[in-house]
Amino acid sequence: MKVIKFIFDNLLALVLLIIFAIPMLIIWVITTLDTGQNGLFLHERIGKGGKPFKMYKFRTLKGTYDNPITTEQTHQFSKSGKFLMKYKLDELPQLFNILNGTMSFVGPRPDVAGYADQLEGDDRVILSVKPGITGPAQIKYRDEASLLARAENPIEFNDQVLWPDKVEINKDYIKNWSLKKDFQILWKTLF
């Protein structure tokens, strides 16, 4: 089944890259003009085996930030960035991550250093699979940005509420993985 997942990921990523090549080029130009920086953004995340990798995204923010929690209070979103994030179009470059073997369509979402790489005990099962563009935790926390924006202390809320719940959701996903579940997650993500 894992071989089927690998083949599915790579074939779908290749087909989608062909279909979205021109729209992605247009988005890149727009984000470059809108942010005043290269519209393609590389961000270090923690992947399978706890190894860092560069995740591709379209730039949605103006300037450079070290804060791992992104809210309108802590970051300046570009005009195009709000639109891209709303429709998850900023994630399209991650098709390249699938093709280079660092990501899958479905799996635990890759996090910045200081989270997944700090997992201990049976929580480290999350690092046994490739991270995904989408996953069950992303479905549950589809409105994560607004949850964080409403929190009095977004980092504390993330660390004490969201992150522990995501770990449990992702552990359950891995322990009960099936190709059928992956298709259901993809369907829920899109529709």
C-alpha atoms as a PDB file:
ATOM      1  CA  MET A   1       0.000   0.000   0.000  1.00  0.00           C
ATOM      2  CA  LYS A   2       2.871   2.430   0.747  1.00  0.00           C
ATOM      3  CA  VAL A   3       4.154   1.874  -2.803  1.00  0.00           C
ATOM      4  CA  ILE A   4       0.717   2.792  -4.162  1.00  0.00           C
ATOM      5  CA  LYS A   5       0.758   5.969  -2.028  1.00  0.00           C
ATOM      6  CA  PHE A   6       4.207   6.854  -3.409  1.00  0.00           C
ATOM      7  CA  ILE A   7       3.110   6.281  -7.017  1.00  0.00           C
ATOM      8  CA  PHE A   8      -0.168   8.161  -6.482  1.00  0.00           C
ATOM      9  CA  ASP A   9       1.627  11.137  -4.872  1.00  0.00           C
ATOM     10  CA  ASN A  10       4.174  11.442  -7.659  1.00  0.00           C
ATOM     11  CA  LEU A  11       1.787  10.949 -10.565  1.00  0.00           C
ATOM     12  CA  LEU A  12      -0.767  13.395  -9.174  1.00  0.00           C
ATOM     13  CA  ALA A  13       1.929  15.971  -8.356  1.00  0.00           C
ATOM     14  CA  LEU A  14       3.314  15.730 -11.886  1.00  0.00           C
ATOM     15  CA  VAL A  15      -0.138  16.072 -13.469  1.00  0.00           C
ATOM     16  CA  LEU A  16      -1.035  19.027 -11.227  1.00  0.00           C
ATOM     17  CA  LEU A  17       2.251  20.776 -11.980  1.00  0.00           C
ATOM     18  CA  ILE A  18       1.517  20.507 -15.683  1.00  0.00           C
ATOM     19  CA  ILE A  19      -2.040  21.809 -15.198  1.00  0.00           C
ATOM     20  CA  PHE A  20      -1.039  24.630 -12.830  1.00  0.00           C
ATOM     21  CA  ALA A  21       2.281  25.655 -14.439  1.00  0.00           C
ATOM     22  CA  ILE A  22       0.916  28.871 -15.985  1.00  0.00           C
ATOM     23  CA  PRO A  23      -1.248  29.858 -12.959  1.00  0.00           C
ATOM     24  CA  MET A  24       1.753  29.212 -10.675  1.00  0.00           C
ATOM     25  CA  LEU A  25       3.947  31.436 -12.838  1.00  0.00           C
ATOM     26  CA  ILE A  26       1.308  34.180 -12.667  1.00  0.00           C
ATOM     27  CA  ILE A  27       0.993  33.797  -8.880  1.00  0.00           C
ATOM     28  CA  TRP A  28       4.783  33.980  -8.560  1.00  0.00           C
ATOM     29  CA  VAL A  29       4.881  37.261 -10.526  1.00  0.00           C
ATOM     30  CA  ILE A  30       1.991  38.739  -8.507  1.00  0.00           C
ATOM     31  CA  THR A  31       3.484  37.751  -5.130  1.00  0.00           C
ATOM     32  CA  THR A  32       6.889  39.073  -6.166  1.00  0.00           C
ATOM     33  CA  LEU A  33       5.410  42.447  -7.128  1.00  0.00           C
ATOM     34  CA  ASP A  34       3.082  42.565  -4.110  1.00  0.00           C
ATOM     35  CA  THR A  35       5.692  41.724  -1.465  1.00  0.00           C
ATOM     36  CA  GLY A  36       8.756  43.329  -3.040  1.00  0.00           C
ATOM     37  CA  GLN A  37      10.602  40.025  -2.542  1.00  0.00           C
ATOM     38  CA  ASN A  38      10.911  36.764  -4.459  1.00  0.00           C
ATOM     39  CA  GLY A  39       7.373  35.384  -4.603  1.00  0.00           C
ATOM     40  CA  LEU A  40       8.625  31.866  -3.936  1.00  0.00           C
ATOM     41  CA  PHE A  41       9.432  31.330  -0.290  1.00  0.00           C
ATOM     42  CA  LEU A  42      11.571  28.538   1.152  1.00  0.00           C
ATOM     43  CA  HIS A  43      10.910  27.737   4.797  1.00  0.00           C
ATOM     44  CA  GLU A  44      12.768  25.175   6.864  1.00  0.00           C
ATOM     45  CA  ARG A  45      10.496  22.519   8.318  1.00  0.00           C
ATOM     46  CA  ILE A  46      11.016  19.215  10.083  1.00  0.00           C
ATOM     47  CA  GLY A  47      10.350  16.155   7.943  1.00  0.00           C
ATOM     48  CA  LYS A  48      10.537  12.384   8.071  1.00  0.00           C
ATOM     49  CA  GLY A  49      13.088  11.104  10.557  1.00  0.00           C
ATOM     50  CA  GLY A  50      13.281  14.550  12.172  1.00  0.00           C
ATOM     51  CA  LYS A  51      15.390  15.830   9.278  1.00  0.00           C
ATOM     52  CA  PRO A  52      15.024  19.480   8.292  1.00  0.00           C
ATOM     53  CA  PHE A  53      14.016  20.247   4.710  1.00  0.00           C
ATOM     54  CA  LYS A  54      13.085  23.309   2.681  1.00  0.00           C
ATOM     55  CA  MET A  55       9.345  23.586   2.089  1.00  0.00           C
ATOM     56  CA  TYR A  56       8.226  25.649  -0.904  1.00  0.00           C
ATOM     57  CA  LYS A  57       5.400  28.166  -0.623  1.00  0.00           C
ATOM     58  CA  PHE A  58       4.265  31.331  -2.291  1.00  0.00           C
ATOM     59  CA  ARG A  59       5.154  34.351  -0.190  1.00  0.00           C
ATOM     60  CA  THR A  60       2.143  35.803   1.632  1.00  0.00           C
ATOM     61  CA  LEU A  61       3.898  38.178   4.032  1.00  0.00           C
ATOM     62  CA  LYS A  62       5.776  41.416   3.612  1.00  0.00           C
ATOM     63  CA  GLY A  63       9.132  41.524   5.374  1.00  0.00           C
ATOM     64  CA  THR A  64      10.930  38.827   7.351  1.00  0.00           C
ATOM     65  CA  TYR A  65       9.779  37.330  10.655  1.00  0.00           C
ATOM     66  CA  ASP A  66      11.142  34.946  13.277  1.00  0.00           C
ATOM     67  CA  ASN A  67       7.833  34.424  15.099  1.00  0.00           C
ATOM     68  CA  PRO A  68       6.602  30.860  14.360  1.00  0.00           C
ATOM     69  CA  ILE A  69       2.953  31.828  14.921  1.00  0.00           C
ATOM     70  CA  THR A  70       1.519  33.835  12.035  1.00  0.00           C
ATOM     71  CA  THR A  71      -1.385  36.164  12.782  1.00  0.00           C
ATOM     72  CA  GLU A  72      -2.503  39.544  11.431  1.00  0.00           C
ATOM     73  CA  GLN A  73      -1.365  41.039  14.745  1.00  0.00           C
ATOM     74  CA  THR A  74       2.207  39.750  14.417  1.00  0.00           C
ATOM     75  CA  HIS A  75       2.770  39.834  10.645  1.00  0.00           C
ATOM     76  CA  GLN A  76       1.978  42.095   7.688  1.00  0.00           C
ATOM     77  CA  PHE A  77       0.132  40.095   5.040  1.00  0.00           C
ATOM     78  CA  SER A  78       0.330  41.207   1.427  1.00  0.00           C
ATOM     79  CA  LYS A  79      -2.910  41.842  -0.446  1.00  0.00           C
ATOM     80  CA  SER A  80      -2.377  38.761  -2.581  1.00  0.00           C
ATOM     81  CA  GLY A  81      -1.248  36.796   0.469  1.00  0.00           C
ATOM     82  CA  LYS A  82      -4.642  36.960   2.166  1.00  0.00           C
ATOM     83  CA  PHE A  83      -6.315  35.645  -0.975  1.00  0.00           C
ATOM     84  CA  LEU A  84      -3.717  32.906  -1.495  1.00  0.00           C
ATOM     85  CA  MET A  85      -4.008  31.719   2.111  1.00  0.00           C
ATOM     86  CA  LYS A  86      -7.807  31.748   2.050  1.00  0.00           C
ATOM     87  CA  TYR A  87      -7.854  29.401  -0.946  1.00  0.00           C
ATOM     88  CA  LYS A  88      -4.646  27.541   0.051  1.00  0.00           C
ATOM     89  CA  LEU A  89      -3.004  28.541  -3.233  1.00  0.00           C
ATOM     90  CA  ASP A  90       0.172  29.466  -1.341  1.00  0.00           C
ATOM     91  CA  GLU A  91       0.665  25.692  -0.895  1.00  0.00           C
ATOM     92  CA  LEU A  92       0.871  24.880  -4.637  1.00  0.00           C
ATOM     93  CA  PRO A  93       4.708  24.939  -4.756  1.00  0.00           C
ATOM     94  CA  GLN A  94       4.709  22.006  -2.339  1.00  0.00           C
ATOM     95  CA  LEU A  95       4.026  19.855  -5.384  1.00  0.00           C
ATOM     96  CA  PHE A  96       7.799  20.187  -5.902  1.00  0.00           C
ATOM     97  CA  ASN A  97       8.313  18.862  -2.354  1.00  0.00           C
ATOM     98  CA  ILE A  98       6.306  15.783  -3.278  1.00  0.00           C
ATOM     99  CA  LEU A  99       8.381  15.205  -6.388  1.00  0.00           C
ATOM    100  CA  ASN A 100      11.675  15.635  -4.510  1.00  0.00           C
ATOM    101  CA  GLY A 101      10.521  13.077  -1.927  1.00  0.00           C
ATOM    102  CA  THR A 102      10.278  15.319   1.148  1.00  0.00           C
ATOM    103  CA  MET A 103       6.469  15.453   1.349  1.00  0.00           C
ATOM    104  CA  SER A 104       3.291  13.549   0.541  1.00  0.00           C
ATOM    105  CA  PHE A 105      -0.194  14.814  -0.277  1.00  0.00           C
ATOM    106  CA  VAL A 106      -1.538  13.489   3.041  1.00  0.00           C
ATOM    107  CA  GLY A 107       0.305  13.217   6.335  1.00  0.00           C
ATOM    108  CA  PRO A 108       1.113  15.213   9.463  1.00  0.00           C
ATOM    109  CA  ARG A 109       1.746  18.833   8.523  1.00  0.00           C
ATOM    110  CA  PRO A 110       5.468  19.667   8.768  1.00  0.00           C
ATOM    111  CA  ASP A 111       6.251  22.076  11.557  1.00  0.00           C
ATOM    112  CA  VAL A 112       9.058  24.478  12.268  1.00  0.00           C
ATOM    113  CA  ALA A 113      11.982  23.454  14.469  1.00  0.00           C
ATOM    114  CA  GLY A 114      11.063  23.369  18.138  1.00  0.00           C
ATOM    115  CA  TYR A 115       7.951  21.239  17.722  1.00  0.00           C
ATOM    116  CA  ALA A 116       8.096  17.934  15.822  1.00  0.00           C
ATOM    117  CA  ASP A 117      11.848  17.601  16.359  1.00  0.00           C
ATOM    118  CA  GLN A 118      11.227  17.817  20.120  1.00  0.00           C
ATOM    119  CA  LEU A 119       8.726  14.951  20.227  1.00  0.00           C
ATOM    120  CA  GLU A 120       9.480  12.152  22.661  1.00  0.00           C
ATOM    121  CA  GLY A 121       8.373   8.567  23.262  1.00  0.00           C
ATOM    122  CA  ASP A 122       5.526   7.215  21.162  1.00  0.00           C
ATOM    123  CA  ASP A 123       4.799  10.755  19.870  1.00  0.00           C
ATOM    124  CA  ARG A 124       7.872  10.350  17.622  1.00  0.00           C
ATOM    125  CA  VAL A 125       5.822   8.026  15.400  1.00  0.00           C
ATOM    126  CA  ILE A 126       4.828  11.259  13.646  1.00  0.00           C
ATOM    127  CA  LEU A 127       8.382  11.456  12.304  1.00  0.00           C
ATOM    128  CA  SER A 128       8.147   7.965  10.781  1.00  0.00           C
ATOM    129  CA  VAL A 129       6.201   9.213   7.744  1.00  0.00           C
ATOM    130  CA  LYS A 130       6.577  11.986   5.206  1.00  0.00           C
ATOM    131  CA  PRO A 131       4.770  15.162   6.195  1.00  0.00           C
ATOM    132  CA  GLY A 132       1.748  16.122   4.115  1.00  0.00           C
ATOM    133  CA  ILE A 133       0.334  19.120   2.341  1.00  0.00           C
ATOM    134  CA  THR A 134      -2.877  18.247   4.144  1.00  0.00           C
ATOM    135  CA  GLY A 135      -3.861  15.882   6.916  1.00  0.00           C
ATOM    136  CA  PRO A 136      -6.497  15.183   9.520  1.00  0.00           C
ATOM    137  CA  ALA A 137      -5.252  17.940  11.835  1.00  0.00           C
ATOM    138  CA  GLN A 138      -5.487  20.454   8.978  1.00  0.00           C
ATOM    139  CA  ILE A 139      -9.097  19.444   8.444  1.00  0.00           C
ATOM    140  CA  LYS A 140      -9.941  19.965  12.115  1.00  0.00           C
ATOM    141  CA  TYR A 141      -8.010  23.230  12.366  1.00  0.00           C
ATOM    142  CA  ARG A 142      -8.893  24.659   8.971  1.00  0.00           C
ATOM    143  CA  ASP A 143      -9.493  27.998  10.710  1.00  0.00           C
ATOM    144  CA  GLU A 144      -6.291  27.879  12.781  1.00  0.00           C
ATOM    145  CA  ALA A 145      -5.229  31.409  11.817  1.00  0.00           C
ATOM    146  CA  SER A 146      -8.466  32.896  13.181  1.00  0.00           C
ATOM    147  CA  LEU A 147      -8.206  30.770  16.356  1.00  0.00           C
ATOM    148  CA  LEU A 148      -4.699  32.073  16.951  1.00  0.00           C
ATOM    149  CA  ALA A 149      -5.744  35.643  16.156  1.00  0.00           C
ATOM    150  CA  ARG A 150      -8.469  35.478  18.822  1.00  0.00           C
ATOM    151  CA  ALA A 151      -6.170  33.992  21.466  1.00  0.00           C
ATOM    152  CA  GLU A 152      -4.849  36.313  24.140  1.00  0.00           C
ATOM    153  CA  ASN A 153      -1.425  34.689  23.835  1.00  0.00           C
ATOM    154  CA  PRO A 154      -1.198  32.922  20.447  1.00  0.00           C
ATOM    155  CA  ILE A 155       2.085  31.095  21.143  1.00  0.00           C
ATOM    156  CA  GLU A 156       0.835  29.793  24.489  1.00  0.00           C
ATOM    157  CA  PHE A 157      -2.499  28.747  22.933  1.00  0.00           C
ATOM    158  CA  ASN A 158      -0.670  26.937  20.144  1.00  0.00           C
ATOM    159  CA  ASP A 159       1.766  25.221  22.512  1.00  0.00           C
ATOM    160  CA  GLN A 160      -0.762  24.202  25.155  1.00  0.00           C
ATOM    161  CA  VAL A 161      -3.923  23.547  23.148  1.00  0.00           C
ATOM    162  CA  LEU A 162      -3.424  23.182  19.395  1.00  0.00           C
ATOM    163  CA  TRP A 163      -0.064  21.395  19.222  1.00  0.00           C
ATOM    164  CA  PRO A 164      -0.881  18.608  21.749  1.00  0.00           C
ATOM    165  CA  ASP A 165      -4.207  17.941  19.996  1.00  0.00           C
ATOM    166  CA  LYS A 166      -2.531  17.855  16.577  1.00  0.00           C
ATOM    167  CA  VAL A 167       0.010  15.341  17.901  1.00  0.00           C
ATOM    168  CA  GLU A 168      -2.801  13.023  19.042  1.00  0.00           C
ATOM    169  CA  ILE A 169      -4.704  13.426  15.764  1.00  0.00           C
ATOM    170  CA  ASN A 170      -1.579  12.675  13.732  1.00  0.00           C
ATOM    171  CA  LYS A 171      -0.628   9.665  15.858  1.00  0.00           C
ATOM    172  CA  ASP A 172      -4.094   8.221  15.283  1.00  0.00           C
ATOM    173  CA  TYR A 173      -3.777   8.886  11.537  1.00  0.00           C
ATOM    174  CA  ILE A 174      -0.470   7.004  11.359  1.00  0.00           C
ATOM    175  CA  LYS A 175      -1.570   4.073  13.524  1.00  0.00           C
ATOM    176  CA  ASN A 176      -4.772   3.639  11.510  1.00  0.00           C
ATOM    177  CA  TRP A 177      -3.475   4.647   8.079  1.00  0.00           C
ATOM    178  CA  SER A 178      -5.181   3.435   4.937  1.00  0.00           C
ATOM    179  CA  LEU A 179      -5.223   4.608   1.341  1.00  0.00           C
ATOM    180  CA  LYS A 180      -8.985   5.018   1.656  1.00  0.00           C
ATOM    181  CA  LYS A 181      -8.486   7.441   4.579  1.00  0.00           C
ATOM    182  CA  ASP A 182      -5.993   9.428   2.497  1.00  0.00           C
ATOM    183  CA  PHE A 183      -8.578   9.815  -0.276  1.00  0.00           C
ATOM    184  CA  GLN A 184     -11.205  10.871   2.291  1.00  0.00           C
ATOM    185  CA  ILE A 185      -8.826  13.504   3.722  1.00  0.00           C
ATOM    186  CA  LEU A 186      -8.045  14.822   0.245  1.00  0.00           C
ATOM    187  CA  TRP A 187     -11.765  15.019  -0.513  1.00  0.00           C
ATOM    188  CA  LYS A 188     -12.504  16.878   2.739  1.00  0.00           C
ATOM    189  CA  THR A 189      -9.610  19.244   2.084  1.00  0.00           C
ATOM    190  CA  LEU A 190     -10.892  20.167  -1.360  1.00  0.00           C
ATOM    191  CA  PHE A 191     -14.616  20.170  -0.655  1.00  0.00           C
END
